């Protein structure tokens, strides 16, 4: 589908994507959607997912470390 500046794309009855400006390397768009529809950049969602995954991995590693220290007891040394 091709659109020029000032033209729009409709998704269903409630969502409109307007082509606001077309530059050399960027396109500015406007989005009109109901408040019940989340609108965000894909990159923001991906970074959030990566952060959650990293936090979970870190949490598992921290729990393993604490468990090993508890099993070894004070001073480390052995079982």
N, C-alpha and C. Protein backbone atom coordinates (compact mmCIF):
# COMPACT_ATOMS: atom_id res chain seq x y z
N UNK A 1 0.84 -1.16 0.00
CA UNK A 1 0.00 0.00 0.00
C UNK A 1 0.90 1.24 0.00
N UNK A 2 0.60 2.17 -0.83
CA UNK A 2 1.37 3.42 -0.89
C UNK A 2 0.50 4.57 -0.43
N UNK A 3 1.10 5.46 0.31
CA UNK A 3 0.41 6.64 0.81
C UNK A 3 1.32 7.84 0.66
N UNK A 4 0.75 8.97 0.45
CA UNK A 4 1.49 10.23 0.39
C UNK A 4 1.18 11.05 1.63
N UNK A 5 2.00 12.06 1.87
CA UNK A 5 1.76 12.96 3.00
C UNK A 5 0.34 13.51 2.92
N UNK A 6 -0.35 13.50 4.04
CA UNK A 6 -1.72 13.98 4.08
C UNK A 6 -2.75 12.89 3.88
N UNK A 7 -2.32 11.70 3.48
CA UNK A 7 -3.26 10.59 3.29
C UNK A 7 -3.26 9.70 4.53
N UNK A 8 -4.25 8.82 4.61
CA UNK A 8 -4.43 7.99 5.80
C UNK A 8 -4.67 6.53 5.43
N UNK A 9 -4.53 5.70 6.43
CA UNK A 9 -4.86 4.28 6.35
C UNK A 9 -5.82 4.01 7.50
N UNK A 10 -6.90 3.30 7.23
CA UNK A 10 -7.83 2.93 8.28
C UNK A 10 -7.65 1.45 8.62
N UNK A 11 -7.66 1.16 9.92
CA UNK A 11 -7.64 -0.21 10.40
C UNK A 11 -8.94 -0.41 11.16
N UNK A 12 -9.81 -1.22 10.61
CA UNK A 12 -11.13 -1.37 11.21
C UNK A 12 -11.88 -0.05 11.14
N UNK A 13 -12.74 0.18 12.11
CA UNK A 13 -13.54 1.40 12.14
C UNK A 13 -12.92 2.48 13.02
N UNK A 14 -12.02 2.07 13.94
CA UNK A 14 -11.59 2.97 15.01
C UNK A 14 -10.16 3.48 14.91
N UNK A 15 -9.34 2.88 14.08
CA UNK A 15 -7.92 3.23 14.07
C UNK A 15 -7.55 3.88 12.73
N UNK A 16 -6.93 5.05 12.83
CA UNK A 16 -6.50 5.77 11.63
C UNK A 16 -5.02 6.09 11.76
N UNK A 17 -4.27 5.78 10.73
CA UNK A 17 -2.85 6.12 10.66
C UNK A 17 -2.69 7.16 9.57
N UNK A 18 -2.23 8.35 9.98
CA UNK A 18 -2.08 9.46 9.04
C UNK A 18 -0.60 9.64 8.70
N UNK A 19 -0.31 9.83 7.44
CA UNK A 19 1.04 10.14 7.00
C UNK A 19 1.18 11.66 7.10
N UNK A 20 1.94 12.12 8.08
CA UNK A 20 2.04 13.55 8.35
C UNK A 20 3.10 14.23 7.48
N UNK A 21 4.26 13.59 7.38
CA UNK A 21 5.38 14.20 6.65
C UNK A 21 6.31 13.10 6.17
N UNK A 22 6.82 13.27 4.97
CA UNK A 22 7.79 12.32 4.44
C UNK A 22 9.07 13.09 4.17
N UNK A 23 10.15 12.71 4.86
CA UNK A 23 11.45 13.35 4.66
C UNK A 23 12.39 12.40 3.94
N UNK A 24 13.66 12.78 3.89
CA UNK A 24 14.64 11.95 3.20
C UNK A 24 14.80 10.57 3.83
N UNK A 25 14.90 10.55 5.16
CA UNK A 25 15.14 9.27 5.81
C UNK A 25 14.10 8.95 6.89
N UNK A 26 13.07 9.77 7.03
CA UNK A 26 12.06 9.56 8.06
C UNK A 26 10.66 9.82 7.54
N UNK A 27 9.74 9.14 8.16
CA UNK A 27 8.33 9.38 7.89
C UNK A 27 7.67 9.68 9.22
N UNK A 28 6.95 10.78 9.31
CA UNK A 28 6.21 11.11 10.53
C UNK A 28 4.77 10.67 10.34
N UNK A 29 4.27 9.91 11.34
CA UNK A 29 2.89 9.45 11.26
C UNK A 29 2.13 9.91 12.49
N UNK A 30 0.84 9.97 12.34
CA UNK A 30 -0.05 10.25 13.46
C UNK A 30 -1.00 9.07 13.58
N UNK A 31 -1.32 8.69 14.80
CA UNK A 31 -2.20 7.55 15.02
C UNK A 31 -3.36 8.00 15.89
N UNK A 32 -4.57 7.73 15.43
CA UNK A 32 -5.77 7.98 16.20
C UNK A 32 -6.39 6.63 16.50
N UNK A 33 -6.55 6.33 17.81
CA UNK A 33 -7.10 5.04 18.21
C UNK A 33 -7.85 5.21 19.52
N UNK A 34 -8.77 4.31 19.82
CA UNK A 34 -9.47 4.38 21.11
C UNK A 34 -8.48 4.21 22.26
N UNK A 35 -8.83 4.74 23.43
CA UNK A 35 -7.95 4.63 24.59
C UNK A 35 -7.73 3.18 25.00
N UNK A 36 -8.63 2.30 24.64
CA UNK A 36 -8.50 0.88 25.01
C UNK A 36 -7.45 0.15 24.17
N UNK A 37 -6.96 0.79 23.12
CA UNK A 37 -5.94 0.19 22.25
C UNK A 37 -4.58 0.78 22.60
N UNK A 38 -3.66 -0.07 23.02
CA UNK A 38 -2.31 0.39 23.34
C UNK A 38 -1.56 0.69 22.05
N UNK A 39 -0.93 1.85 21.99
CA UNK A 39 -0.13 2.25 20.83
C UNK A 39 1.27 2.59 21.34
N UNK A 40 2.28 1.84 20.88
CA UNK A 40 3.65 2.13 21.29
C UNK A 40 4.61 1.69 20.19
N UNK A 41 5.85 2.12 20.31
CA UNK A 41 6.86 1.73 19.35
C UNK A 41 7.32 0.31 19.66
N UNK A 42 7.54 -0.47 18.64
CA UNK A 42 7.96 -1.85 18.82
C UNK A 42 9.25 -1.94 19.62
N UNK A 43 10.17 -1.02 19.37
CA UNK A 43 11.46 -1.03 20.05
C UNK A 43 11.29 -0.89 21.56
N UNK A 44 10.32 -0.08 21.99
CA UNK A 44 10.07 0.11 23.42
C UNK A 44 9.61 -1.21 24.04
N UNK A 45 8.73 -1.90 23.36
CA UNK A 45 8.23 -3.19 23.86
C UNK A 45 9.36 -4.21 23.93
N UNK A 46 10.20 -4.27 22.90
CA UNK A 46 11.30 -5.23 22.88
C UNK A 46 12.29 -4.97 24.00
N UNK A 47 12.63 -3.71 24.25
CA UNK A 47 13.57 -3.37 25.32
C UNK A 47 12.98 -3.78 26.67
N UNK A 48 11.70 -3.53 26.86
CA UNK A 48 11.04 -3.93 28.10
C UNK A 48 11.09 -5.43 28.31
N UNK A 49 10.85 -6.20 27.24
CA UNK A 49 10.91 -7.66 27.34
C UNK A 49 12.34 -8.12 27.64
N UNK A 50 13.32 -7.50 27.01
CA UNK A 50 14.72 -7.86 27.27
C UNK A 50 15.10 -7.54 28.72
N UNK A 51 14.64 -6.42 29.23
CA UNK A 51 14.93 -6.06 30.62
C UNK A 51 14.32 -7.05 31.59
N UNK A 52 13.08 -7.46 31.34
CA UNK A 52 12.44 -8.46 32.21
C UNK A 52 13.20 -9.78 32.18
N UNK A 53 13.59 -10.20 30.99
CA UNK A 53 14.33 -11.46 30.86
C UNK A 53 15.67 -11.38 31.60
N UNK A 54 16.37 -10.26 31.47
CA UNK A 54 17.66 -10.09 32.15
C UNK A 54 17.47 -10.08 33.67
N UNK A 55 16.41 -9.43 34.15
CA UNK A 55 16.15 -9.38 35.59
C UNK A 55 15.84 -10.77 36.12
N UNK A 56 15.12 -11.57 35.37
CA UNK A 56 14.80 -12.93 35.81
C UNK A 56 16.05 -13.79 35.85
N UNK A 57 16.91 -13.66 34.85
CA UNK A 57 18.15 -14.43 34.84
C UNK A 57 19.03 -14.03 36.02
N UNK A 58 19.10 -12.73 36.27
CA UNK A 58 19.90 -12.25 37.38
C UNK A 58 19.34 -12.77 38.70
N UNK A 59 18.03 -12.79 38.82
CA UNK A 59 17.39 -13.27 40.05
C UNK A 59 17.69 -14.74 40.28
N UNK A 60 17.65 -15.56 39.23
CA UNK A 60 17.95 -16.98 39.36
C UNK A 60 19.40 -17.17 39.79
N UNK A 61 20.31 -16.42 39.18
CA UNK A 61 21.73 -16.53 39.54
C UNK A 61 21.94 -16.09 40.98
N UNK A 62 21.28 -15.03 41.41
CA UNK A 62 21.43 -14.56 42.78
C UNK A 62 20.89 -15.59 43.77
N UNK A 63 19.77 -16.21 43.45
CA UNK A 63 19.21 -17.24 44.33
C UNK A 63 20.14 -18.45 44.43
N UNK A 64 20.72 -18.85 43.31
CA UNK A 64 21.68 -19.98 43.34
C UNK A 64 22.86 -19.64 44.23
N UNK A 65 23.36 -18.42 44.09
CA UNK A 65 24.51 -17.98 44.88
C UNK A 65 24.18 -18.02 46.36
N UNK A 66 23.00 -17.50 46.73
CA UNK A 66 22.60 -17.52 48.14
C UNK A 66 22.44 -18.95 48.65
N UNK A 67 21.86 -19.82 47.84
CA UNK A 67 21.66 -21.21 48.23
C UNK A 67 23.00 -21.90 48.45
N UNK A 68 23.95 -21.66 47.57
CA UNK A 68 25.28 -22.26 47.73
C UNK A 68 25.94 -21.77 49.01
N UNK A 69 25.79 -20.49 49.33
CA UNK A 69 26.39 -19.96 50.56
C UNK A 69 25.72 -20.58 51.80
N UNK A 70 24.40 -20.79 51.72
CA UNK A 70 23.70 -21.41 52.84
C UNK A 70 24.14 -22.85 53.04
N UNK A 71 24.31 -23.58 51.95
CA UNK A 71 24.71 -24.99 52.04
C UNK A 71 26.13 -25.08 52.57
N UNK A 72 27.04 -24.22 52.08
CA UNK A 72 28.43 -24.24 52.52
C UNK A 72 28.59 -23.76 53.95
N UNK A 73 27.69 -22.94 54.38
CA UNK A 73 27.77 -22.40 55.74
C UNK A 73 28.79 -21.28 55.85
N UNK A 74 28.94 -20.69 57.06
CA UNK A 74 29.89 -19.60 57.25
C UNK A 74 31.31 -20.05 56.94
N UNK A 75 32.03 -19.21 56.32
CA UNK A 75 33.42 -19.51 56.00
C UNK A 75 33.62 -20.25 54.70
N UNK A 76 32.54 -20.68 54.07
CA UNK A 76 32.70 -21.33 52.76
C UNK A 76 33.24 -22.71 52.91
N UNK A 77 34.22 -23.12 52.51
CA UNK A 77 34.98 -24.31 52.78
C UNK A 77 34.44 -25.62 52.29
N UNK A 78 33.25 -25.99 52.51
CA UNK A 78 32.85 -27.29 52.00
C UNK A 78 31.62 -27.80 52.66
N UNK A 79 31.34 -29.04 52.30
CA UNK A 79 30.08 -29.64 52.72
C UNK A 79 30.29 -30.58 53.87
